[in-house]
Protein backbone atom coordinates (compact mmCIF):
# COMPACT_ATOMS: atom_id res chain seq x y z
CA UNK A 1 78.53 -83.83 6.33
CA UNK A 2 75.26 -82.73 6.02
CA UNK A 3 74.54 -79.53 3.80
CA UNK A 4 73.08 -76.70 5.04
CA UNK A 5 69.98 -74.53 3.25
CA UNK A 6 71.05 -71.55 1.59
CA UNK A 7 71.05 -68.36 3.58
CA UNK A 8 69.53 -66.14 0.97
CA UNK A 9 66.09 -68.04 0.70
CA UNK A 10 65.51 -67.15 4.70
CA UNK A 11 67.05 -64.14 4.28
CA UNK A 12 64.63 -62.91 1.42
CA UNK A 13 61.50 -64.51 3.44
CA UNK A 14 60.92 -61.60 5.90
CA UNK A 15 61.53 -58.93 2.90
CA UNK A 16 58.76 -60.64 0.77
CA UNK A 17 56.00 -60.79 3.63
CA UNK A 18 56.82 -57.02 4.43
CA UNK A 19 56.51 -55.36 0.98
CA UNK A 20 52.49 -55.54 0.76
CA UNK A 21 52.21 -54.23 4.10
CA UNK A 22 54.44 -51.17 3.38
CA UNK A 23 52.45 -50.85 0.33
CA UNK A 24 49.50 -50.80 2.12
CA UNK A 25 50.61 -48.55 4.72
CA UNK A 26 51.59 -46.10 1.76
CA UNK A 27 47.99 -46.19 0.21
CA UNK A 28 46.26 -45.58 3.91
CA UNK A 29 48.41 -42.65 4.58
CA UNK A 30 46.63 -39.67 3.54
CA UNK A 31 48.62 -37.07 1.05
CA UNK A 32 50.06 -33.98 2.76
CA UNK A 33 47.45 -31.13 1.57
CA UNK A 34 48.85 -27.73 1.17
CA UNK A 35 46.96 -25.10 3.40
CA UNK A 36 44.51 -22.77 1.50
CA UNK A 37 45.96 -19.63 0.43
CA UNK A 38 44.98 -16.63 2.94
CA UNK A 39 42.84 -13.75 1.31
CA UNK A 40 44.71 -10.88 -0.04
CA UNK A 41 44.63 -8.08 1.99
CA UNK A 42 42.67 -6.16 -0.47
CA UNK A 43 40.06 -8.62 -0.57
CA UNK A 44 39.91 -8.44 3.30
CA UNK A 45 39.76 -4.47 3.13
CA UNK A 46 36.89 -4.81 0.59
CA UNK A 47 34.78 -7.35 2.83
CA UNK A 48 35.42 -4.76 6.05
CA UNK A 49 34.01 -1.83 3.77
CA UNK A 50 31.37 -3.78 2.91
CA UNK A 51 30.37 -4.71 6.52
CA UNK A 52 30.92 -1.16 7.42
CA UNK A 53 28.50 -0.12 5.06
CA UNK A 54 25.43 -2.54 6.64
CA UNK A 55 24.08 -3.84 3.92
CA UNK A 56 21.14 -5.50 6.18
CA UNK A 57 20.01 -1.92 6.52
CA UNK A 58 19.54 -0.99 2.82
CA UNK A 59 16.43 -3.03 3.18
CA UNK A 60 14.68 0.32 4.43
CA UNK A 61 15.11 1.80 1.41
CA UNK A 62 12.63 -0.46 -0.52
CA UNK A 63 10.41 2.78 0.99
CA UNK A 64 11.10 4.61 -2.14
CA UNK A 65 8.54 2.63 -3.83
CA UNK A 66 5.84 3.73 -1.47
CA UNK A 67 4.72 7.11 -3.31
CA UNK A 68 4.53 5.33 -6.55
CA UNK A 69 2.56 2.28 -5.32
CA UNK A 70 0.24 4.68 -3.63
CA UNK A 71 -0.81 6.48 -6.81
CA UNK A 72 -0.86 3.27 -8.81
CA UNK A 73 2.31 4.02 -10.96
CA UNK A 74 4.78 1.51 -9.91
CA UNK A 75 4.59 -1.16 -12.82
CA UNK A 76 6.24 0.41 -15.62
CA UNK A 77 9.50 0.23 -17.10
CA UNK A 78 10.59 3.53 -16.73
CA UNK A 79 9.22 3.81 -13.08
CA UNK A 80 11.00 0.71 -11.99
CA UNK A 81 14.43 1.53 -13.47
CA UNK A 82 13.97 5.22 -11.97
CA UNK A 83 13.27 3.64 -8.79
CA UNK A 84 15.91 1.23 -8.79
CA UNK A 85 18.13 3.85 -9.27
CA UNK A 86 16.99 5.90 -6.51
CA UNK A 87 17.57 2.57 -4.16
CA UNK A 88 20.88 2.26 -4.94
CA UNK A 89 21.43 6.09 -4.40
CA UNK A 90 20.18 5.92 -1.06
CA UNK A 91 21.94 2.72 -0.54
CA UNK A 92 25.55 4.50 -1.08
CA UNK A 93 24.31 7.55 1.02
CA UNK A 94 23.63 5.43 3.96
CA UNK A 95 26.80 3.84 3.19
CA UNK A 96 28.70 7.11 3.48
CA UNK A 97 26.97 7.95 6.63
CA UNK A 98 28.01 4.54 8.24
CA UNK A 99 31.55 4.70 7.01
CA UNK A 100 32.05 8.14 8.38
CA UNK A 101 30.45 7.46 11.76
CA UNK A 102 32.43 4.48 12.31
CA UNK A 103 35.63 6.01 11.62
CA UNK A 104 34.68 8.92 13.83
CA UNK A 105 34.04 6.63 16.73
CA UNK A 106 36.75 4.24 16.13
CA UNK A 107 38.47 4.88 19.44
CA UNK A 108 35.31 4.89 21.38
CA UNK A 109 34.16 1.74 19.67
CA UNK A 110 37.51 0.14 20.66
CA UNK A 111 36.48 0.35 24.38
CA UNK A 112 33.02 -1.24 23.59
CA UNK A 113 32.58 -4.86 24.33
CA UNK A 114 30.67 -5.66 20.63
CA UNK A 115 31.36 -2.56 18.93
CA UNK A 116 35.48 -3.34 19.27
CA UNK A 117 34.71 -5.72 16.31
CA UNK A 118 33.64 -3.85 13.78
CA UNK A 119 35.71 -3.74 10.75
CA UNK A 120 37.16 0.41 11.57
CA UNK A 121 37.25 -0.10 15.38
CA UNK A 122 39.22 -3.68 14.96
CA UNK A 123 41.89 -2.43 12.25
CA UNK A 124 40.48 -4.40 9.41
CA UNK A 125 39.53 -0.93 7.76
CA UNK A 126 42.01 1.89 8.40
CA UNK A 127 40.32 5.14 9.96
CA UNK A 128 41.59 7.44 6.78
CA UNK A 129 40.25 4.68 4.20
CA UNK A 130 36.78 4.75 5.93
CA UNK A 131 36.72 8.51 5.76
CA UNK A 132 37.83 8.60 2.17
CA UNK A 133 35.27 5.89 0.67
CA UNK A 134 32.64 7.27 2.78
CA UNK A 135 33.47 10.69 1.37
CA UNK A 136 33.51 9.92 -2.10
CA UNK A 137 29.91 7.98 -1.81
CA UNK A 138 28.76 11.30 -0.25
CA UNK A 139 29.80 13.39 -3.07
CA UNK A 140 29.14 10.77 -5.98
CA UNK A 141 25.52 10.01 -4.86
CA UNK A 142 23.97 13.60 -5.30
CA UNK A 143 26.36 14.38 -8.35
CA UNK A 144 24.98 11.20 -10.03
CA UNK A 145 21.16 12.36 -9.12
CA UNK A 146 21.78 15.27 -10.53
CA UNK A 147 22.58 13.95 -13.97
CA UNK A 148 20.03 11.28 -13.71
CA UNK A 149 16.88 12.34 -11.66
CA UNK A 150 14.67 15.35 -11.13
CA UNK A 151 16.37 18.48 -9.39
CA UNK A 152 14.56 17.51 -6.27
CA UNK A 153 16.25 14.04 -5.77
CA UNK A 154 19.66 15.67 -5.37
CA UNK A 155 18.36 18.12 -2.92
CA UNK A 156 16.63 15.34 -0.87
CA UNK A 157 19.90 13.44 -0.98
CA UNK A 158 22.06 15.97 0.22
CA UNK A 159 19.33 16.99 2.58
CA UNK A 160 19.60 13.42 3.85
CA UNK A 161 23.06 13.09 4.15
CA UNK A 162 23.67 16.70 5.80
CA UNK A 163 20.86 15.50 8.75
CA UNK A 164 22.47 11.94 9.06
CA UNK A 165 25.92 13.35 9.48
CA UNK A 166 24.62 15.85 12.12
CA UNK A 167 23.10 13.15 13.55
CA UNK A 168 25.98 11.13 14.26
CA UNK A 169 27.88 14.24 15.47
CA UNK A 170 25.12 15.51 18.19
CA UNK A 171 21.85 15.16 17.34
CA UNK A 172 21.55 11.58 18.64
CA UNK A 173 22.40 13.19 21.94
CA UNK A 174 19.57 15.74 21.83
CA UNK A 175 16.14 14.48 23.17
CA UNK A 176 13.06 14.10 21.18
CA UNK A 177 15.22 15.68 18.24
CA UNK A 178 17.09 12.03 17.71
CA UNK A 179 13.70 10.67 17.21
CA UNK A 180 12.13 13.20 14.82
CA UNK A 181 15.67 12.44 12.78
CA UNK A 182 15.30 8.99 12.55
CA UNK A 183 11.99 9.13 11.54
CA UNK A 184 12.44 11.82 9.29
CA UNK A 185 15.30 9.54 7.34
CA UNK A 186 12.65 7.09 6.74
CA UNK A 187 9.84 9.87 5.64
CA UNK A 188 12.69 11.06 3.05
CA UNK A 189 12.76 7.49 1.74
CA UNK A 190 9.20 7.46 0.98
CA UNK A 191 9.44 10.47 -0.34
CA UNK A 192 12.09 10.22 -2.69
CA UNK A 193 10.40 7.55 -5.14
CA UNK A 194 7.42 10.32 -5.64
CA UNK A 195 9.66 13.15 -6.25
CA UNK A 196 11.87 11.01 -8.91
CA UNK A 197 8.65 10.00 -10.89
CA UNK A 198 7.14 13.43 -10.49
CA UNK A 199 4.05 12.20 -8.58
CA UNK A 200 2.55 14.82 -6.49
CA UNK A 201 2.56 13.71 -2.73
CA UNK A 202 -0.47 14.10 -1.04
CA UNK A 203 -0.76 15.34 2.89
CA UNK A 204 -2.51 12.10 3.88
CA UNK A 205 0.59 9.94 2.35
CA UNK A 206 2.89 12.20 4.55
CA UNK A 207 1.04 12.08 7.73
CA UNK A 208 0.36 8.43 7.40
CA UNK A 209 4.00 7.36 6.32
CA UNK A 210 5.44 10.10 9.00
CA UNK A 211 3.65 9.35 11.99
CA UNK A 212 3.70 5.45 11.10
CA UNK A 213 7.43 5.67 10.96
CA UNK A 214 7.57 7.54 14.54
CA UNK A 215 5.64 4.70 15.70
CA UNK A 216 8.00 2.18 15.01
CA UNK A 217 10.86 4.35 15.83
CA UNK A 218 9.71 4.89 19.27
CA UNK A 219 8.47 1.36 19.57
CA UNK A 220 11.87 0.46 19.23
CA UNK A 221 13.48 2.85 21.59
CA UNK A 222 10.99 1.84 23.91
CA UNK A 223 11.78 -1.60 23.45
CA UNK A 224 15.42 -1.10 23.93
CA UNK A 225 14.89 0.80 27.23
CA UNK A 226 12.63 -1.83 28.87
CA UNK A 227 15.09 -4.72 28.02
CA UNK A 228 18.17 -2.78 29.18
CA UNK A 229 16.23 -1.90 32.23
CA UNK A 230 15.43 -5.30 32.93
CA UNK A 231 19.18 -6.44 32.85
CA UNK A 232 20.16 -3.38 34.98
CA UNK A 233 22.28 -2.02 31.77
CA UNK A 234 20.13 1.27 31.19
CA UNK A 235 21.63 3.17 28.38
CA UNK A 236 24.25 0.23 27.48
CA UNK A 237 23.19 0.49 23.69
CA UNK A 238 22.09 3.96 23.55
CA UNK A 239 23.69 6.65 26.32
CA UNK A 240 20.58 8.44 25.51
CA UNK A 241 18.05 5.73 26.53
CA UNK A 242 19.10 7.05 30.51
CA UNK A 243 17.52 10.24 29.62
CA UNK A 244 14.23 8.90 28.34
CA UNK A 245 11.67 7.31 30.89
CA UNK A 246 9.93 3.91 29.52
CA UNK A 247 6.52 6.06 30.17
CA UNK A 248 7.44 8.92 27.78
CA UNK A 249 8.45 6.50 24.90
CA UNK A 250 5.41 4.42 25.46
CA UNK A 251 3.48 7.85 25.08
CA UNK A 252 5.06 8.55 22.01
CA UNK A 253 4.55 5.24 20.28
CA UNK A 254 0.70 5.22 20.96
CA UNK A 255 0.42 8.59 20.11
CA UNK A 256 2.29 8.23 16.66
CA UNK A 257 0.01 5.14 16.06
CA UNK A 258 -3.31 7.10 16.79
CA UNK A 259 -2.26 10.00 14.37
CA UNK A 260 -1.38 7.21 11.57
CA UNK A 261 -4.29 5.64 11.88
CA UNK A 262 -6.39 8.60 11.70
CA UNK A 263 -4.80 10.00 8.79
CA UNK A 264 -5.13 6.46 6.91
CA UNK A 265 -8.89 6.69 7.78
CA UNK A 266 -9.52 10.28 6.35
CA UNK A 267 -7.63 9.39 3.33
CA UNK A 268 -9.85 6.29 2.79
CA UNK A 269 -13.23 8.12 3.70
CA UNK A 270 -12.24 11.20 1.88
CA UNK A 271 -14.70 12.27 -1.33
CA UNK A 272 -12.29 11.07 -3.87
CA UNK A 273 -12.47 7.57 -2.71
CA UNK A 274 -16.23 7.13 -2.64
CA UNK A 275 -17.02 6.60 -6.37
CA UNK A 276 -16.06 3.08 -6.28
CA UNK A 277 -18.82 2.17 -4.14
CA UNK A 278 -21.31 3.01 -7.16
CA UNK A 279 -19.44 0.50 -9.68
CA UNK A 280 -21.14 -2.19 -10.11
CA UNK A 281 -19.35 -5.68 -8.56
CA UNK A 282 -16.68 -3.59 -7.24
CA UNK A 283 -16.29 -3.39 -3.38
CA UNK A 284 -15.27 -0.56 -1.48
CA UNK A 285 -11.76 -1.53 -1.19
CA UNK A 286 -10.27 1.85 -0.08
CA UNK A 287 -12.62 2.02 2.86
CA UNK A 288 -12.07 -1.74 3.53
CA UNK A 289 -8.30 -1.27 3.74
CA UNK A 290 -8.80 0.67 6.81
CA UNK A 291 -9.64 -2.72 8.65
CA UNK A 292 -6.62 -4.68 7.52
CA UNK A 293 -4.44 -1.48 8.53
CA UNK A 294 -5.44 -1.20 12.16
CA UNK A 295 -4.80 -4.76 12.63
CA UNK A 296 -1.69 -4.15 11.42
CA UNK A 297 -1.16 -1.59 14.05
CA UNK A 298 -2.56 -3.24 16.73
CA UNK A 299 -0.67 -6.39 15.88
CA UNK A 300 2.56 -4.57 15.74
CA UNK A 301 1.71 -2.78 19.20
CA UNK A 302 1.42 -6.35 20.81
CA UNK A 303 5.51 -6.54 20.31
CA UNK A 304 5.82 -2.68 21.31
CA UNK A 305 4.15 -3.38 24.40
CA UNK A 306 6.14 -6.51 25.21
CA UNK A 307 9.08 -4.63 24.72
CA UNK A 308 10.35 -7.00 21.92
CA UNK A 309 9.92 -4.66 18.83
CA UNK A 310 13.26 -4.50 17.33
CA UNK A 311 14.11 -3.62 13.76
CA UNK A 312 10.41 -3.43 11.88
CA UNK A 313 11.75 -5.63 9.07
CA UNK A 314 12.56 -8.30 11.79
CA UNK A 315 9.11 -7.91 13.44
CA UNK A 316 6.99 -8.33 10.36
CA UNK A 317 9.02 -10.98 9.10
CA UNK A 318 9.48 -13.31 12.38
CA UNK A 319 5.51 -12.95 13.17
CA UNK A 320 3.22 -14.76 10.84
CA UNK A 321 0.03 -13.27 11.50
CA UNK A 322 1.50 -10.04 11.22
CA UNK A 323 2.94 -11.06 7.72
CA UNK A 324 -0.49 -12.28 6.75
CA UNK A 325 -2.18 -9.19 7.88
CA UNK A 326 0.52 -6.92 5.93
CA UNK A 327 -0.31 -9.02 2.91
CA UNK A 328 -4.34 -8.48 3.06
CA UNK A 329 -3.66 -4.96 3.35
CA UNK A 330 -1.38 -4.67 0.55
CA UNK A 331 -3.91 -6.73 -1.95
CA UNK A 332 -6.79 -4.34 -0.61
CA UNK A 333 -4.72 -1.33 -1.10
CA UNK A 334 -3.66 -2.56 -4.73
CA UNK A 335 -7.38 -3.14 -5.47
CA UNK A 336 -8.21 0.33 -4.08
CA UNK A 337 -5.63 1.68 -6.30
CA UNK A 338 -6.58 0.07 -9.19
CA UNK A 339 -10.11 1.20 -8.98
CA UNK A 340 -9.30 4.52 -8.01
């Protein structure tokens, strides 16, 4: 009888062949990953409050350096420290206004196609929390200013808060007054730096700054009206836009631009600035800066006329020519102040 081969050899052969494949399969299979932890509710609340405070809008508070720069008293440790404090205080006041405004308009914002995504309207920030944080900042900013700044600064901050809250409640629905309130907000920022350092504010500074701000505010409103009318959605962004005509808003920004240029020219050509022409080797920078200032206004007016003048900082940053003109004007103005 012929002996049969042992069954154990053939039985183990397939198993030894599958073992490397199984090991290779295990190497290729990625390990299971645990999902990332969800942010805590407190962190989400903080992010919502920060978004509601609109940090992008705080760049407007850079205007606090305008008066000290105009007086040539900007680059000293005391001035920089005090101006940084005023910048933070204005940012706190602006944040308080935004929080209270969004809390007040939460119901209306929920019915808006875009504003319903705001943190307060979407429920990320509860309405009572928005009111509480906004009210706290509104009280805290002037209080800190009373301790750390001259008396006129907390008075200015209090007036700014009262005016902006009145704007949120009713003044934004009043023709012309809405333009004046927004313009005054810019002017108050420009005045705050001078008041914080005890710098007298000249009439030319106030005229040029005030009407320059009105020029940009009216140009933005005009651009919004033109764009919304072209899309057949007049008043979609601001209900009051339906009450203005584009012709009226054009008149306002043209008038404001003219007065701002006139005020700047009167400052540059007054007797106090003519002595620099008698100094050997010194150019009349104060008078020459008029050219750059007018060019900047004319260049900005191009975007206003097209209906594309949005936020002032965005207009300046996206147009290289306007930015260059602005830098040239700053250099000339700096030379004028240095030789004043």
